Amino acid sequence: MKCDVCKSKIQTTFLNKIVGTYIRDSRGKRKVVCPECQKKFSREELLEKF
């Protein structure tokens, strides 16, 4: 999977869970965010990017 903000590849665990999080935008679509982007941006800033 790739981060929807910075387009970098997100690592997965051995059970194929992502090392990051999912955020839902205003339309209810699920977006993937890497840990680096979580540190850089607040939740409100991430939602503005979608």
Protein backbone atom coordinates (compact mmCIF):
# COMPACT_ATOMS: atom_id res chain seq x y z
CA MET A 1 0.00 0.00 0.00
CA LYS A 2 0.99 3.61 -0.47
CA CYS A 3 0.34 6.67 1.67
CA ASP A 4 -2.37 8.89 0.16
CA VAL A 5 -0.52 12.04 1.28
CA CYS A 6 3.15 11.51 0.36
CA LYS A 7 2.80 8.44 -1.93
CA SER A 8 5.55 6.51 -0.09
CA LYS A 9 5.23 2.78 0.49
CA ILE A 10 3.78 1.77 3.88
CA GLN A 11 5.23 -1.23 5.67
CA THR A 12 3.00 -4.10 6.75
CA THR A 13 3.24 -6.54 9.64
CA PHE A 14 3.41 -10.29 9.19
CA LEU A 15 -0.40 -10.40 9.39
CA ASN A 16 -0.67 -7.85 6.52
CA LYS A 17 -1.78 -5.01 8.79
CA ILE A 18 -0.39 -1.61 7.87
CA VAL A 19 2.03 0.35 10.05
CA GLY A 20 0.01 3.55 9.92
CA THR A 21 -3.65 4.47 10.13
CA TYR A 22 -6.80 4.93 8.13
CA ILE A 23 -8.65 8.27 8.02
CA ARG A 24 -12.09 8.80 6.53
CA ASP A 25 -12.61 11.89 4.41
CA SER A 26 -15.80 13.95 4.17
CA ARG A 27 -17.31 11.55 1.63
CA GLY A 28 -16.63 8.50 3.82
CA LYS A 29 -13.74 7.19 1.71
CA ARG A 30 -10.96 5.48 3.65
CA LYS A 31 -7.51 7.00 3.16
CA VAL A 32 -4.20 5.47 4.26
CA VAL A 33 -1.70 7.63 6.15
CA CYS A 34 1.89 6.64 7.01
CA PRO A 35 3.42 7.29 10.47
CA GLU A 36 5.70 10.04 9.11
CA CYS A 37 2.74 12.04 7.78
CA GLN A 38 0.91 11.50 11.08
CA LYS A 39 3.82 13.17 12.87
CA LYS A 40 4.04 16.07 10.41
CA PHE A 41 0.35 16.98 10.13
CA SER A 42 -2.60 17.25 12.51
CA ARG A 43 -5.84 15.41 11.76
CA GLU A 44 -7.48 18.58 10.43
CA GLU A 45 -4.56 19.26 8.07
CA LEU A 46 -4.71 15.70 6.76
CA LEU A 47 -8.43 15.99 6.06
CA GLU A 48 -7.84 19.21 4.10
CA LYS A 49 -5.37 17.38 1.81
CA PHE A 50 -8.07 14.96 0.65
